[in-house]
Amino acid sequence: MELPFGETVHRLRPASKVDPYSKKPIPADWATAVETEIPGAFVASSSTSRNVTASRTQIVTEKSLYCDPSFDVQPTDRIRAGGVVYTIDGIASADTNPFTGWQPIREVLLTRFTG
């Protein structure tokens, strides 16, 4: 898919890390995350809400990433678009038409909390 006015979208995946003592995997290391460009992808606005409490005001921004269904995106990844990093809030399945084998683009729900 060619997007002549699209912006570059990247997937950030934490580097795997092993505990030197137990030799078991430990939580993700975002300091050395691997960044991969997602070809033909774009991020579209979904909604924004403002949550106000006595001690805090928080802005919740929700967007959707649209990409090729064969591209490897995991719930533990993060997405960077336009210099902003979003967490993945859900990944729609890559449905396949049973008659033709055609697959539409995949929608990945993104969220960003500010404040």
Protein backbone atom coordinates (compact mmCIF):
# COMPACT_ATOMS: atom_id res chain seq x y z
CA MET A 1 0.00 0.00 0.00
CA GLU A 2 1.47 3.35 -1.05
CA LEU A 3 0.79 6.35 1.22
CA PRO A 4 2.21 9.43 -0.55
CA PHE A 5 1.46 11.72 2.42
CA GLY A 6 1.88 9.19 5.22
CA GLU A 7 4.36 9.40 8.06
CA THR A 8 6.80 6.71 9.09
CA VAL A 9 5.53 4.39 11.82
CA HIS A 10 7.85 2.24 13.95
CA ARG A 11 7.36 -0.78 16.18
CA LEU A 12 9.44 -0.77 19.39
CA ARG A 13 10.13 -4.20 20.87
CA PRO A 14 11.94 -4.59 24.20
CA ALA A 15 15.19 -6.50 24.13
CA SER A 16 15.04 -9.88 25.79
CA LYS A 17 17.01 -10.07 28.99
CA VAL A 18 18.07 -13.02 31.13
CA ASP A 19 18.74 -12.88 34.87
CA PRO A 20 22.47 -13.67 35.29
CA TYR A 21 21.80 -15.66 38.45
CA SER A 22 18.68 -17.70 37.72
CA LYS A 23 19.19 -17.78 33.92
CA LYS A 24 15.44 -17.11 33.54
CA PRO A 25 13.83 -14.35 31.42
CA ILE A 26 13.14 -11.13 33.31
CA PRO A 27 10.89 -8.16 32.42
CA ALA A 28 11.55 -6.26 29.20
CA ASP A 29 14.52 -3.95 28.81
CA TRP A 30 13.22 -0.80 27.06
CA ALA A 31 16.63 0.90 27.26
CA THR A 32 17.80 -1.21 24.33
CA ALA A 33 14.51 -1.66 22.47
CA VAL A 34 14.72 -2.77 18.84
CA GLU A 35 13.02 -0.33 16.45
CA THR A 36 11.53 -1.57 13.17
CA GLU A 37 9.72 0.46 10.50
CA ILE A 38 6.21 -0.79 9.69
CA PRO A 39 5.84 -0.56 5.90
CA GLY A 40 2.61 0.93 4.53
CA ALA A 41 1.20 1.68 8.00
CA PHE A 42 -0.58 4.74 9.31
CA VAL A 43 -1.98 5.96 12.63
CA ALA A 44 -5.43 7.58 12.77
CA SER A 45 -7.12 9.48 15.60
CA SER A 46 -9.82 7.75 17.55
CA SER A 47 -10.69 9.72 20.69
CA THR A 48 -9.35 11.84 23.54
CA SER A 49 -10.74 12.14 27.05
CA ARG A 50 -9.83 14.13 30.13
CA ASN A 51 -9.98 12.52 33.58
CA VAL A 52 -9.90 14.95 36.50
CA THR A 53 -9.52 13.98 40.17
CA ALA A 54 -8.73 16.06 43.25
CA SER A 55 -5.00 15.55 42.78
CA ARG A 56 -4.53 14.86 39.07
CA THR A 57 -5.62 15.74 35.57
CA GLN A 58 -4.95 13.04 32.99
CA ILE A 59 -5.44 13.08 29.23
CA VAL A 60 -6.11 9.72 27.57
CA THR A 61 -5.46 9.68 23.82
CA GLU A 62 -6.67 6.70 21.82
CA LYS A 63 -5.58 6.05 18.26
CA SER A 64 -5.57 3.16 15.80
CA LEU A 65 -2.63 1.75 13.87
CA TYR A 66 -3.56 0.28 10.49
CA CYS A 67 -1.01 -2.11 8.98
CA ASP A 68 -0.57 -5.20 6.84
CA PRO A 69 -2.06 -8.21 8.67
CA SER A 70 1.13 -10.22 8.15
CA PHE A 71 3.34 -7.69 9.99
CA ASP A 72 4.49 -8.97 13.40
CA VAL A 73 2.92 -6.80 16.13
CA GLN A 74 2.69 -8.15 19.70
CA PRO A 75 0.73 -6.81 22.71
CA THR A 76 4.05 -6.15 24.50
CA ASP A 77 5.33 -3.84 21.74
CA ARG A 78 5.02 -0.04 21.59
CA ILE A 79 4.34 2.08 18.50
CA ARG A 80 6.06 5.38 17.63
CA ALA A 81 4.38 7.72 15.17
CA GLY A 82 4.99 11.43 14.75
CA GLY A 83 7.52 11.39 17.59
CA VAL A 84 4.93 10.08 20.08
CA VAL A 85 5.08 6.61 21.67
CA TYR A 86 1.85 4.67 22.25
CA THR A 87 1.18 1.43 24.10
CA ILE A 88 -0.85 -1.31 22.43
CA ASP A 89 -4.30 -1.69 23.96
CA GLY A 90 -5.57 -4.49 21.72
CA ILE A 91 -4.93 -6.23 18.41
CA ALA A 92 -7.75 -7.24 16.09
CA SER A 93 -7.41 -10.65 14.48
CA ALA A 94 -6.32 -10.81 10.86
CA ASP A 95 -9.53 -12.21 9.41
CA THR A 96 -9.40 -14.03 6.10
CA ASN A 97 -12.22 -14.21 3.56
CA PRO A 98 -13.00 -17.96 3.31
CA PHE A 99 -13.91 -17.70 -0.38
CA THR A 100 -11.04 -15.61 -1.76
CA GLY A 101 -8.30 -15.66 0.91
CA TRP A 102 -8.27 -11.84 0.94
CA GLN A 103 -7.30 -10.10 4.19
CA PRO A 104 -8.13 -6.46 5.00
CA ILE A 105 -5.65 -4.31 6.88
CA ARG A 106 -5.31 -5.01 10.60
CA GLU A 107 -6.35 -2.48 13.25
CA VAL A 108 -4.22 -2.20 16.38
CA LEU A 109 -5.67 -0.10 19.21
CA LEU A 110 -3.21 2.36 20.77
CA THR A 111 -3.35 4.39 23.98
CA ARG A 112 -1.26 7.21 25.44
CA PHE A 113 -1.69 8.63 28.94
CA THR A 114 -0.45 12.16 29.72
CA GLY A 115 -0.45 13.70 33.19
